[in-house]
Amino acid sequence: MFFNNFKCTMILATVFSVFAVSAFAEEPAFIHEIQLPSPEEMGPIVRLTDPGADLTPPPNPQVGDSWLWYLFTWYPMPPHFEEHVCTVRGKSDRGYVVVKDEDWPGLIDEADVDSILERWENSSIGPYPDQGIYEIDSLYFGVPPDELDNDPRIYLMWYDFEVAADGFFFSFDEEPDGTYLDYPSNECEVLYLNPTSSGGPSGDYMHAVIAHEFQHLIHWKCDDNESTWVNEAMSELAMWFYGHPDNISSFNSNPDNNLTVWDANWADYIQTYLWALYFFERYGGHPAVYALVHEPANSMAGFDNILDDFGYSENTDDIFIDWSVANFLDDTSLEDGRYGYIGDDLPPFYALTYSSYPVEATKTVNNWATDYYRFNVISLENLTLTFDGSDNNKFGVRALVLHPADITEVLPMTLNESTQSGVLEIDNLTNPLDQVILVVASVSSSGSPVYQFTADGTLGISTDPSQLTTNINLIITPNPFSSVVNIQLNWNGTITAESPTVDIYDLQGRIVQRLTADILSDGEASIQWNGNIQGGNIANPGIYYAHARAGSAQCVAKLLLLP
């Protein structure tokens, strides 16, 4: 089986590794979580020498030195380790580039090695161009381990994995060989990297993968039992520090994804990346990230401890709902900037859309996940939202009022702590193009995911003939009409009206056409409607309403379009 472009996690006791997905695909064609096989599922080690042979490197390895390495492989099945001769092809102050002999120079050559060591030691393409990967990760996450070989250099081991995975780290390389019967150790600090990955070993994507994997090595030393999702979040942030973060996709189309449960789906990587970037930008920057990697408490408890240590009044519940809003809006101009990102541009997030009312719905949302609902206001002048969540869960609810010609509003719904229920009244919906986004987030690790909401409002136009005229006089001819209707507006000339408009609505209150009238004189304008609707189609025969506005004056009149 061929696994195309994926990240995966391998976990066994203290064993941890990760694979990075190609940045050149918006979303992997196949995403598979691959667990490191249990001892019963592992095949025997394929050896080139007798058991017990020395596989350790010589003292002070130099370019050209070769020795046997244990390399993990999936094929031929079952998964197993094989001994292969590998050679040092490059050396710097803080690293070695080692390549499986069969892959040199066909899959990686001297130019690749020079590029890798340049990025490892000296430079990057992101916010810290004068720092290399080693310095970036060591400064911002922690000092790497040196457990067995008394050599501070990190080995960057390149070989063809024979699957479309990019890199991984095995923590059992930090233990003496033989500690785990079925999992041999190369007894050094080593990151395994695939030269066949997208962009090749000289590409900035694979350089970012090195930063990703190096963070895992550092995190193992600082907090070896950290929750996988937090460890992944920091490695995704390392890719951003280098300057080549993963492409944002999948999560934005499926935001109902538990942040704290690691399934190794592509959405998991993007979700943890966005959480880490948001936390970094708003809550303490590099010092807070460094402290988090060293914080013994895991998962959300670790973030809460760091927030307390750095003097923030917010907890993770507060941050999660703000983060959920930021993912949808990505607008740092609002309030204190909390509803957007500085370091990345987000694509649109999916929202289930409603355009007719009333709305009554029963839904579910995963713990530490978010749902979005879009309400097209069209003819409503106000909207009432009610919410009732499961009592044994904790929710956060916001309404985003999107005004196309004005500033977006972020309105909190206050929920009863015991019943998780609340009501929010939204008015000032004066533009038929206004939209309201309901944001529903579960900010708890437990509890039923079920909730209910309703949405209803008052029509901004009236179908009551006694209410059709206010302070504009409309002269409509002919009415009924079959092809073109002439609409003349007359209003008090003291009312300022630079651009009188006539909006055409159908019986469901949906706007079908927006027209700008021609001013004939003070207090007089006219417009024609030929039955065309938005999108270039022709309106179906039936009843329509013309909503005329001239400054503060307005009026509604009924139209009858004949076949």
Protein backbone atom coordinates (compact mmCIF):
# COMPACT_ATOMS: atom_id res chain seq x y z
CA MET A 1 0.00 0.00 0.00
CA PHE A 2 1.30 3.46 -0.87
CA PHE A 3 0.65 6.22 1.65
CA ASN A 4 0.53 9.50 -0.21
CA ASN A 5 1.67 12.63 1.63
CA PHE A 6 0.88 12.21 5.30
CA LYS A 7 1.98 12.88 8.81
CA CYS A 8 1.68 10.13 11.34
CA THR A 9 2.43 9.41 14.95
CA MET A 10 4.13 6.33 16.35
CA ILE A 11 3.75 5.77 20.06
CA LEU A 12 5.02 2.98 22.30
CA ALA A 13 5.70 3.78 25.96
CA THR A 14 8.36 6.51 25.66
CA VAL A 15 8.66 6.04 21.90
CA PHE A 16 7.52 9.00 19.84
CA SER A 17 7.80 10.00 16.23
CA VAL A 18 6.04 12.18 13.68
CA PHE A 19 5.85 12.39 9.92
CA ALA A 20 5.33 15.70 8.15
CA VAL A 21 2.97 16.00 5.20
CA SER A 22 3.91 17.61 1.93
CA ALA A 23 3.42 21.36 1.78
CA PHE A 24 2.79 21.14 -1.93
CA ALA A 25 -0.56 19.39 -1.53
CA GLU A 26 -3.44 21.39 -0.11
CA GLU A 27 -4.57 18.27 1.65
CA PRO A 28 -3.17 14.74 1.54
CA ALA A 29 -4.97 12.30 -0.70
CA PHE A 30 -4.70 9.69 2.02
CA ILE A 31 -4.13 10.27 5.72
CA HIS A 32 -3.23 7.27 7.83
CA GLU A 33 -2.25 7.17 11.45
CA ILE A 34 0.46 4.53 11.67
CA GLN A 35 1.19 3.22 15.14
CA LEU A 36 4.61 1.73 15.73
CA PRO A 37 3.78 -1.98 15.66
CA SER A 38 3.65 -3.91 18.89
CA PRO A 39 6.45 -6.44 19.49
CA GLU A 40 4.14 -9.20 18.27
CA GLU A 41 3.60 -7.35 14.98
CA MET A 42 7.26 -6.53 14.34
CA GLY A 43 9.35 -8.61 12.02
CA PRO A 44 12.87 -9.71 13.01
CA ILE A 45 15.81 -7.36 12.57
CA VAL A 46 17.52 -7.92 9.23
CA ARG A 47 21.23 -7.93 10.05
CA LEU A 48 24.32 -7.56 7.91
CA THR A 49 26.56 -8.73 10.76
CA ASP A 50 26.36 -11.12 13.69
CA PRO A 51 24.13 -10.10 16.61
CA GLY A 52 25.99 -7.95 19.08
CA ALA A 53 28.27 -6.31 16.51
CA ASP A 54 29.33 -2.74 17.25
CA LEU A 55 27.03 -0.31 15.49
CA THR A 56 28.23 2.82 17.30
CA PRO A 57 30.05 5.56 15.41
CA PRO A 58 33.81 6.01 15.70
CA PRO A 59 35.16 8.71 18.04
CA ASN A 60 34.82 12.18 16.46
CA PRO A 61 33.21 11.05 13.17
CA GLN A 62 34.48 12.74 10.03
CA VAL A 63 33.10 13.16 6.53
CA GLY A 64 33.55 9.83 4.77
CA ASP A 65 33.25 7.66 7.89
CA SER A 66 30.81 4.76 7.54
CA TRP A 67 29.19 2.34 9.97
CA LEU A 68 26.05 0.25 10.37
CA TRP A 69 22.75 1.88 11.30
CA TYR A 70 19.39 0.44 12.25
CA LEU A 71 16.83 1.83 9.80
CA PHE A 72 13.09 1.27 10.21
CA THR A 73 11.22 0.08 7.13
CA TRP A 74 7.69 -1.03 6.28
CA TYR A 75 8.60 -3.28 3.36
CA PRO A 76 8.71 -6.12 2.89
CA MET A 77 6.05 -6.61 5.52
CA PRO A 78 5.90 -7.03 8.45
CA PRO A 79 7.48 -3.73 9.54
CA HIS A 80 10.99 -4.24 10.83
CA PHE A 81 14.46 -2.77 11.28
CA GLU A 82 17.31 -3.40 8.89
CA GLU A 83 21.03 -2.83 9.25
CA HIS A 84 22.43 -0.59 6.50
CA VAL A 85 25.80 0.99 5.88
CA CYS A 86 25.49 4.76 6.08
CA THR A 87 28.16 7.40 5.55
CA VAL A 88 28.78 10.88 6.93
CA ARG A 89 28.44 13.22 3.95
CA GLY A 90 28.62 16.52 5.76
CA LYS A 91 29.66 17.92 9.15
CA SER A 92 29.21 21.27 10.86
CA ASP A 93 29.67 22.66 14.36
CA ARG A 94 26.32 21.28 15.49
CA GLY A 95 25.33 18.54 13.09
CA TYR A 96 26.15 15.65 10.80
CA VAL A 97 24.43 14.78 7.55
CA VAL A 98 24.45 10.99 7.17
CA VAL A 99 23.07 9.18 4.13
CA LYS A 100 22.25 5.55 3.47
CA ASP A 101 24.87 4.41 0.96
CA GLU A 102 22.28 3.12 -1.53
CA ASP A 103 20.70 6.60 -1.70
CA TRP A 104 23.93 8.50 -2.43
CA PRO A 105 24.21 10.43 -4.70
CA GLY A 106 21.01 9.51 -6.53
CA LEU A 107 18.55 10.88 -3.96
CA ILE A 108 20.76 13.38 -2.14
CA ASP A 109 24.05 14.91 -3.27
CA GLU A 110 26.74 17.32 -2.12
CA ALA A 111 24.74 20.41 -3.11
CA ASP A 112 21.85 19.14 -0.98
CA VAL A 113 24.18 18.55 1.96
CA ASP A 114 25.57 22.09 1.70
CA SER A 115 22.04 23.52 1.64
CA ILE A 116 20.95 21.44 4.64
CA LEU A 117 23.93 22.47 6.77
CA GLU A 118 23.53 26.13 5.79
CA ARG A 119 19.94 26.13 7.05
CA TRP A 120 20.86 24.01 10.07
CA GLU A 121 23.64 26.37 11.18
CA ASN A 122 23.19 29.85 9.79
CA SER A 123 19.92 31.01 8.23
CA SER A 124 16.18 30.60 7.77
CA ILE A 125 13.46 32.15 5.61
CA GLY A 126 11.06 33.35 8.30
CA PRO A 127 11.15 36.04 11.01
CA TYR A 128 14.70 35.13 12.12
CA PRO A 129 16.73 35.08 8.89
CA ASP A 130 20.11 35.25 10.66
CA GLN A 131 19.40 32.16 12.78
CA GLY A 132 19.59 28.57 11.63
CA ILE A 133 17.32 25.71 12.65
CA TYR A 134 19.55 24.56 15.49
CA GLU A 135 19.70 28.01 17.05
CA ILE A 136 16.00 28.75 16.54
CA ASP A 137 14.77 25.54 18.16
CA SER A 138 17.38 25.61 20.94
CA LEU A 139 16.64 29.22 21.88
CA TYR A 140 12.87 29.07 21.68
CA PHE A 141 12.10 25.53 22.87
CA GLY A 142 15.09 24.27 24.89
CA VAL A 143 18.55 22.72 24.87
CA PRO A 144 18.63 19.38 23.04
CA PRO A 145 19.62 16.20 24.88
CA ASP A 146 23.01 14.46 24.78
CA GLU A 147 22.28 11.18 26.49
CA LEU A 148 24.75 8.57 25.29
CA ASP A 149 27.36 9.57 22.73
CA ASN A 150 28.89 12.61 24.49
CA ASP A 151 28.68 14.47 21.19
CA PRO A 152 26.57 17.65 21.09
CA ARG A 153 26.05 17.36 17.34
CA ILE A 154 22.70 16.10 16.00
CA TYR A 155 22.64 13.43 13.31
CA LEU A 156 20.42 14.16 10.31
CA MET A 157 19.94 10.70 8.81
CA TRP A 158 18.61 10.64 5.23
CA TYR A 159 17.20 7.54 3.57
CA ASP A 160 14.25 6.56 1.38
CA PHE A 161 11.41 5.50 3.70
CA GLU A 162 9.61 3.84 0.75
CA VAL A 163 6.39 5.57 1.80
CA ALA A 164 5.44 9.22 1.35
CA ALA A 165 6.44 10.28 4.84
CA ASP A 166 8.90 13.05 5.55
CA GLY A 167 10.58 12.55 8.91
CA PHE A 168 10.45 11.09 12.41
CA PHE A 169 12.19 10.83 15.76
CA PHE A 170 12.51 7.67 17.88
CA SER A 171 12.98 8.21 21.59
CA PHE A 172 14.47 4.76 22.04
CA ASP A 173 17.60 6.08 20.28
CA GLU A 174 18.16 7.89 23.59
CA GLU A 175 18.45 4.54 25.42
CA PRO A 176 21.25 1.94 25.20
CA ASP A 177 20.74 -0.63 22.47
CA GLY A 178 18.93 -3.64 23.90
CA THR A 179 16.77 -1.63 26.31
CA TYR A 180 13.80 -2.55 24.13
CA LEU A 181 14.13 -6.05 22.72
CA ASP A 182 12.27 -5.37 19.48
CA TYR A 183 13.25 -1.73 19.03
CA PRO A 184 17.00 -1.27 18.53
CA SER A 185 18.80 1.97 19.30
CA ASN A 186 21.39 3.88 17.29
CA GLU A 187 22.48 5.40 20.62
CA CYS A 188 22.65 9.02 19.48
CA GLU A 189 20.51 12.11 18.90
CA VAL A 190 19.17 11.47 15.40
CA LEU A 191 16.38 12.77 13.18
CA TYR A 192 15.32 10.52 10.29
CA LEU A 193 14.51 12.36 7.05
CA ASN A 194 13.26 11.28 3.63
CA PRO A 195 15.09 12.65 0.55
CA THR A 196 12.16 11.70 -1.72
CA SER A 197 9.74 14.09 0.02
CA SER A 198 8.18 17.03 -1.81
CA GLY A 199 10.74 19.62 -2.80
CA GLY A 200 13.66 17.29 -2.12
CA PRO A 201 16.27 17.57 0.62
CA SER A 202 17.28 21.10 -0.46
CA GLY A 203 13.72 22.45 -0.41
CA ASP A 204 12.49 24.81 2.27
CA TYR A 205 9.70 22.42 3.11
CA MET A 206 12.11 19.69 4.18
CA HIS A 207 14.19 22.25 6.05
CA ALA A 208 11.01 23.11 7.98
CA VAL A 209 10.48 19.39 8.61
CA ILE A 210 13.93 19.27 10.21
CA ALA A 211 12.82 22.07 12.55
CA HIS A 212 9.61 20.15 13.26
CA GLU A 213 11.43 16.94 14.18
CA PHE A 214 14.16 18.73 16.15
CA GLN A 215 11.48 20.23 18.40
CA HIS A 216 10.25 16.70 19.17
CA LEU A 217 13.76 15.70 20.23
CA ILE A 218 14.00 18.75 22.50
CA HIS A 219 10.50 18.21 23.90
CA TRP A 220 11.41 14.62 24.77
CA LYS A 221 14.18 15.92 27.03
CA CYS A 222 12.07 18.67 28.60
CA ASP A 223 8.76 16.84 29.09
CA ASP A 224 8.76 13.31 27.72
CA ASN A 225 5.13 12.53 28.62
CA GLU A 226 3.52 15.66 27.18
CA SER A 227 0.20 15.18 25.41
CA THR A 228 0.80 14.45 21.75
CA TRP A 229 -1.31 17.36 20.52
CA VAL A 230 0.75 19.87 22.53
CA ASN A 231 4.02 18.36 21.30
CA GLU A 232 2.72 18.55 17.74
CA ALA A 233 1.57 22.13 18.25
CA MET A 234 5.10 23.15 19.22
CA SER A 235 6.61 21.31 16.25
CA GLU A 236 4.17 23.01 13.90
CA LEU A 237 5.18 26.33 15.46
CA ALA A 238 8.83 25.42 14.83
CA MET A 239 8.01 25.22 11.13
CA TRP A 240 6.56 28.73 11.32
CA PHE A 241 9.66 29.98 13.17
CA TYR A 242 11.76 28.59 10.31
CA GLY A 243 9.49 30.32 7.81
CA HIS A 244 7.60 27.50 6.08
CA PRO A 245 4.49 26.50 8.05
CA ASP A 246 2.09 23.85 6.80
CA ASN A 247 -0.62 24.95 4.37
CA ILE A 248 -3.92 25.67 6.11
CA SER A 249 -6.57 23.30 4.80
CA SER A 250 -8.94 20.55 5.98
CA PHE A 251 -9.43 21.99 9.48
CA ASN A 252 -11.16 25.11 8.12
CA SER A 253 -13.68 22.89 6.32
CA ASN A 254 -14.21 20.71 9.42
CA PRO A 255 -13.77 22.87 12.54
CA ASP A 256 -15.76 20.39 14.68
CA ASN A 257 -12.48 18.66 15.56
CA ASN A 258 -11.36 18.06 19.15
CA LEU A 259 -8.14 20.01 19.65
CA THR A 260 -6.98 17.79 22.51
CA VAL A 261 -7.53 14.39 20.84
CA TRP A 262 -4.74 13.39 18.47
CA ASP A 263 -5.88 11.21 15.56
CA ALA A 264 -3.02 12.17 13.20
CA ASN A 265 -5.47 13.55 10.65
CA TRP A 266 -4.29 16.46 8.53
CA ALA A 267 -6.86 18.67 10.28
CA ASP A 268 -5.17 17.83 13.60
CA TYR A 269 -1.86 19.26 12.42
CA ILE A 270 -3.42 22.46 11.14
CA GLN A 271 -5.59 22.90 14.22
CA THR A 272 -2.64 22.50 16.60
CA TYR A 273 -0.56 24.85 14.43
CA LEU A 274 -3.18 27.60 14.62
CA TRP A 275 -3.61 27.15 18.37
CA ALA A 276 0.17 27.38 18.91
CA LEU A 277 0.54 30.44 16.67
CA TYR A 278 -2.38 32.20 18.36
CA PHE A 279 -1.00 31.43 21.83
CA PHE A 280 2.47 32.59 20.81
CA GLU A 281 1.23 35.87 19.33
CA ARG A 282 -1.07 36.84 22.21
CA TYR A 283 0.16 35.20 25.40
CA GLY A 284 3.80 35.75 26.15
CA GLY A 285 5.66 35.07 22.91
CA HIS A 286 8.92 33.14 23.09
CA PRO A 287 9.24 33.09 26.91
CA ALA A 288 5.78 31.55 27.26
CA VAL A 289 6.46 28.94 24.56
CA TYR A 290 9.78 28.01 26.18
CA ALA A 291 8.08 27.71 29.58
CA LEU A 292 5.30 25.59 28.10
CA VAL A 293 7.77 23.05 26.67
CA HIS A 294 9.32 22.75 30.15
CA GLU A 295 5.98 22.75 32.02
CA PRO A 296 5.36 19.33 33.68
CA ALA A 297 1.55 19.64 33.56
CA ASN A 298 0.12 18.33 30.31
CA SER A 299 -2.57 19.27 27.80
CA MET A 300 -4.77 22.26 28.69
CA ALA A 301 -3.56 22.18 32.30
CA GLY A 302 -0.10 23.12 31.08
CA PHE A 303 -1.43 26.12 29.16
CA ASP A 304 -3.46 27.23 32.19
CA ASN A 305 -0.37 27.07 34.40
CA ILE A 306 1.64 29.18 31.96
CA LEU A 307 -1.16 31.76 31.75
CA ASP A 308 -1.13 32.01 35.55
CA ASP A 309 2.67 32.17 35.73
CA PHE A 310 2.77 35.02 33.20
CA GLY A 311 0.05 37.00 34.96
CA TYR A 312 -2.82 36.64 32.48
CA SER A 313 -6.37 36.79 33.78
CA GLU A 314 -7.66 34.55 30.98
CA ASN A 315 -7.81 30.77 31.16
CA THR A 316 -7.96 28.29 28.31
CA ASP A 317 -11.77 28.47 28.26
CA ASP A 318 -11.58 32.17 27.49
CA ILE A 319 -8.81 31.77 24.94
CA PHE A 320 -10.53 28.94 23.11
CA ILE A 321 -13.67 30.91 22.32
CA ASP A 322 -11.64 33.98 21.28
CA TRP A 323 -9.49 31.69 19.13
CA SER A 324 -12.63 30.21 17.55
CA VAL A 325 -13.77 33.71 16.60
CA ALA A 326 -10.29 34.58 15.31
CA ASN A 327 -10.28 31.53 13.07
CA PHE A 328 -13.47 32.72 11.39
CA LEU A 329 -12.76 36.47 11.21
CA ASP A 330 -8.95 36.70 11.10
CA ASP A 331 -9.29 40.44 11.66
CA THR A 332 -6.75 42.07 13.99
CA SER A 333 -8.40 45.50 13.60
CA LEU A 334 -11.20 44.51 16.01
CA GLU A 335 -10.94 45.34 19.71
CA ASP A 336 -7.36 44.63 20.89
CA GLY A 337 -6.49 42.38 17.96
CA ARG A 338 -7.64 39.17 19.59
CA TYR A 339 -9.81 38.17 16.63
CA GLY A 340 -7.05 37.61 14.10
CA TYR A 341 -3.52 36.49 13.35
CA ILE A 342 -0.46 38.54 12.50
CA GLY A 343 1.72 35.71 11.23
CA ASP A 344 -0.56 33.94 8.76
CA ASP A 345 -3.58 34.52 6.55
CA LEU A 346 -6.46 32.12 7.08
CA PRO A 347 -8.80 30.78 4.41
CA PRO A 348 -12.58 30.97 4.97
CA PHE A 349 -14.03 28.64 7.60
CA TYR A 350 -17.12 26.57 6.87
CA ALA A 351 -20.46 27.70 8.30
CA LEU A 352 -23.83 26.01 7.80
CA THR A 353 -26.06 28.67 6.22
CA TYR A 354 -29.71 29.57 6.93
CA SER A 355 -31.77 32.04 4.87
CA SER A 356 -35.36 31.40 5.99
CA TYR A 357 -36.90 31.70 9.45
CA PRO A 358 -37.69 30.61 12.05
CA VAL A 359 -34.78 28.20 12.59
CA GLU A 360 -34.95 25.42 15.17
CA ALA A 361 -32.02 22.99 15.28
CA THR A 362 -30.49 20.28 17.46
CA LYS A 363 -26.77 19.78 16.87
CA THR A 364 -23.63 18.34 18.45
CA VAL A 365 -20.10 19.67 18.80
CA ASN A 366 -17.04 17.77 20.01
CA ASN A 367 -15.24 18.79 23.19
CA TRP A 368 -12.72 21.55 22.51
CA ALA A 369 -14.21 22.08 19.05
CA THR A 370 -16.36 24.67 17.27
CA ASP A 371 -19.43 24.93 15.03
CA TYR A 372 -20.31 27.96 12.90
CA TYR A 373 -23.75 28.93 11.55
CA ARG A 374 -24.42 31.72 9.07
CA PHE A 375 -27.75 33.59 9.06
CA ASN A 376 -28.45 35.63 5.93
CA VAL A 377 -30.46 38.54 7.29
CA ILE A 378 -32.04 39.53 3.94
CA SER A 379 -35.25 41.26 5.11
CA LEU A 380 -34.90 40.93 8.89
CA GLU A 381 -34.48 44.11 10.93
CA ASN A 382 -33.50 42.12 14.05
CA LEU A 383 -32.57 38.56 15.01
CA THR A 384 -33.17 36.71 18.25
CA LEU A 385 -30.89 33.77 19.01
CA THR A 386 -31.52 31.28 21.79
CA PHE A 387 -29.14 28.52 22.91
CA ASP A 388 -29.52 25.55 25.23
CA GLY A 389 -26.57 23.20 25.71
CA SER A 390 -26.22 19.98 27.68
CA ASP A 391 -26.03 20.80 31.36
CA ASN A 392 -22.99 18.59 31.99
CA ASN A 393 -20.87 20.36 29.37
CA LYS A 394 -19.52 23.91 29.18
CA PHE A 395 -20.06 26.04 26.10
CA GLY A 396 -18.99 29.40 24.79
CA VAL A 397 -21.34 31.23 22.38
CA ARG A 398 -20.69 34.34 20.32
CA ALA A 399 -22.58 36.15 17.55
CA LEU A 400 -20.58 37.87 14.85
CA VAL A 401 -22.56 40.60 13.09
CA LEU A 402 -21.02 41.18 9.68
CA HIS A 403 -21.94 44.60 8.29
CA PRO A 404 -20.65 44.99 4.72
CA ALA A 405 -20.49 48.77 5.11
CA ASP A 406 -19.56 48.97 8.79
CA ILE A 407 -17.39 47.43 11.51
CA THR A 408 -17.98 43.79 12.45
CA GLU A 409 -19.50 43.29 15.89
CA VAL A 410 -18.57 40.42 18.22
CA LEU A 411 -21.39 39.90 20.71
CA PRO A 412 -21.13 37.45 23.64
CA MET A 413 -24.13 35.41 24.72
CA THR A 414 -24.25 35.09 28.50
CA LEU A 415 -25.05 31.49 29.46
CA ASN A 416 -26.55 30.29 32.72
CA GLU A 417 -23.79 28.20 34.33
CA SER A 418 -26.21 25.50 35.48
CA THR A 419 -28.38 25.15 32.39
CA GLN A 420 -25.90 26.32 29.73
CA SER A 421 -28.68 28.37 28.14
CA GLY A 422 -29.02 31.96 27.03
CA VAL A 423 -30.67 34.50 24.71
CA LEU A 424 -29.14 37.19 22.53
CA GLU A 425 -31.08 39.98 20.80
CA ILE A 426 -29.43 41.50 17.72
CA ASP A 427 -30.83 44.65 16.18
CA ASN A 428 -29.52 47.35 13.87
CA LEU A 429 -29.75 45.01 10.88
CA THR A 430 -30.40 47.76 8.36
CA ASN A 431 -28.69 46.27 5.31
CA PRO A 432 -30.15 43.19 3.59
CA LEU A 433 -26.55 42.07 3.03
CA ASP A 434 -25.85 41.95 6.78
CA GLN A 435 -25.01 38.48 8.09
CA VAL A 436 -24.91 36.98 11.56
CA ILE A 437 -22.52 34.14 12.43
CA LEU A 438 -23.36 32.01 15.46
CA VAL A 439 -20.19 30.55 17.01
CA VAL A 440 -20.72 27.55 19.30
CA ALA A 441 -17.68 26.14 21.10
CA SER A 442 -17.37 23.37 23.67
CA VAL A 443 -14.76 24.51 26.20
CA SER A 444 -14.62 21.33 28.23
CA SER A 445 -12.93 17.93 28.09
CA SER A 446 -16.12 16.07 29.00
CA GLY A 447 -19.89 16.26 28.82
CA SER A 448 -22.59 15.59 26.26
CA PRO A 449 -22.03 17.29 22.89
CA VAL A 450 -25.74 17.99 22.27
CA TYR A 451 -27.16 21.51 22.08
CA GLN A 452 -30.15 23.30 20.56
CA PHE A 453 -30.56 26.77 19.12
CA THR A 454 -33.26 28.89 17.51
CA ALA A 455 -33.13 31.97 15.30
CA ASP A 456 -36.02 34.25 14.40
CA GLY A 457 -36.66 37.92 13.81
CA THR A 458 -38.94 40.66 12.54
CA LEU A 459 -39.23 41.37 8.82
CA GLY A 460 -37.74 44.67 7.76
CA ILE A 461 -40.49 45.06 5.14
CA SER A 462 -44.19 44.78 5.74
CA THR A 463 -46.70 42.86 3.65
CA ASP A 464 -49.58 44.61 5.41
CA PRO A 465 -51.15 47.04 2.87
CA SER A 466 -51.89 49.52 5.67
CA GLN A 467 -48.18 49.74 6.39
CA LEU A 468 -46.87 49.99 2.83
CA THR A 469 -46.43 53.77 2.75
CA THR A 470 -44.28 55.83 5.11
CA ASN A 471 -42.69 59.10 4.00
CA ILE A 472 -42.03 58.39 0.31
CA ASN A 473 -44.72 58.41 -2.33
CA LEU A 474 -44.25 55.65 -4.92
CA ILE A 475 -45.87 55.82 -8.34
CA ILE A 476 -45.68 52.42 -10.05
CA THR A 477 -46.72 51.91 -13.66
CA PRO A 478 -47.88 49.57 -14.95
CA ASN A 479 -48.80 47.34 -12.03
CA PRO A 480 -49.38 44.44 -12.68
CA PHE A 481 -46.61 44.30 -15.30
CA SER A 482 -45.24 41.65 -17.61
CA SER A 483 -41.87 43.01 -18.78
CA VAL A 484 -40.83 46.39 -17.35
CA VAL A 485 -42.18 48.36 -14.39
CA ASN A 486 -41.49 52.07 -13.85
CA ILE A 487 -40.99 53.14 -10.23
CA GLN A 488 -41.06 56.86 -9.40
CA LEU A 489 -40.02 58.09 -5.93
CA ASN A 490 -41.27 61.35 -4.47
CA TRP A 491 -40.20 62.53 -1.02
CA ASN A 492 -39.80 65.68 1.03
CA GLY A 493 -37.07 67.74 -0.66
CA THR A 494 -35.56 68.69 2.71
CA ILE A 495 -34.42 65.06 3.17
CA THR A 496 -30.89 64.52 1.88
CA ALA A 497 -30.74 61.54 -0.47
CA GLU A 498 -27.65 61.29 -2.65
CA SER A 499 -28.29 57.76 -3.93
CA PRO A 500 -31.91 56.60 -3.62
CA THR A 501 -32.23 52.82 -3.83
CA VAL A 502 -34.98 50.33 -4.56
CA ASP A 503 -34.56 46.76 -3.31
CA ILE A 504 -36.79 44.06 -4.76
CA TYR A 505 -37.83 41.24 -2.37
CA ASP A 506 -39.73 38.03 -3.00
CA LEU A 507 -42.48 36.64 -0.78
CA GLN A 508 -39.93 34.76 1.35
CA GLY A 509 -38.24 38.04 2.25
CA ARG A 510 -35.19 37.34 0.09
CA ILE A 511 -33.62 40.22 -1.79
CA VAL A 512 -33.56 39.40 -5.51
CA GLN A 513 -32.31 42.67 -6.99
CA ARG A 514 -30.83 45.95 -5.80
CA LEU A 515 -31.36 49.04 -7.96
CA THR A 516 -30.04 52.61 -7.77
CA ALA A 517 -32.53 55.26 -8.82
CA ASP A 518 -31.75 58.28 -11.01
CA ILE A 519 -32.41 61.62 -9.29
CA LEU A 520 -34.63 63.83 -11.43
CA SER A 521 -34.81 66.82 -9.07
CA ASP A 522 -34.85 67.53 -5.33
CA GLY A 523 -37.26 65.02 -3.86
CA GLU A 524 -37.81 63.06 -7.06
CA ALA A 525 -36.15 59.99 -8.62
CA SER A 526 -37.08 57.12 -10.89
CA ILE A 527 -35.94 53.60 -11.78
CA GLN A 528 -37.06 50.73 -14.01
CA TRP A 529 -37.06 47.04 -13.16
CA ASN A 530 -37.17 44.61 -16.07
CA GLY A 531 -37.64 41.47 -13.99
CA ASN A 532 -33.95 40.54 -13.93
CA ILE A 533 -32.68 39.18 -10.62
CA GLN A 534 -29.21 38.74 -9.16
CA GLY A 535 -27.17 36.23 -11.12
CA GLY A 536 -28.64 37.33 -14.46
CA ASN A 537 -31.80 35.18 -14.30
CA ILE A 538 -35.40 36.28 -14.89
CA ALA A 539 -37.76 36.43 -11.91
CA ASN A 540 -40.64 33.96 -11.79
CA PRO A 541 -44.14 35.42 -12.10
CA GLY A 542 -45.65 36.34 -8.74
CA ILE A 543 -45.82 38.95 -5.98
CA TYR A 544 -42.75 41.05 -5.14
CA TYR A 545 -42.11 44.03 -2.90
CA ALA A 546 -40.19 47.18 -3.80
CA HIS A 547 -38.45 48.70 -0.77
CA ALA A 548 -37.48 52.30 -1.60
CA ARG A 549 -35.02 54.35 0.47
CA ALA A 550 -34.08 58.01 0.07
CA GLY A 551 -31.98 59.19 2.97
CA SER A 552 -34.08 58.65 6.11
CA ALA A 553 -37.29 58.25 4.06
CA GLN A 554 -38.52 54.83 3.01
CA CYS A 555 -41.53 53.09 1.57
CA VAL A 556 -42.62 49.60 0.47
CA ALA A 557 -44.99 48.80 -2.38
CA LYS A 558 -46.38 45.57 -3.76
CA LEU A 559 -45.60 44.52 -7.36
CA LEU A 560 -47.29 41.83 -9.42
CA LEU A 561 -45.20 40.26 -12.17
CA LEU A 562 -47.37 38.54 -14.79
CA PRO A 563 -46.30 35.53 -16.87
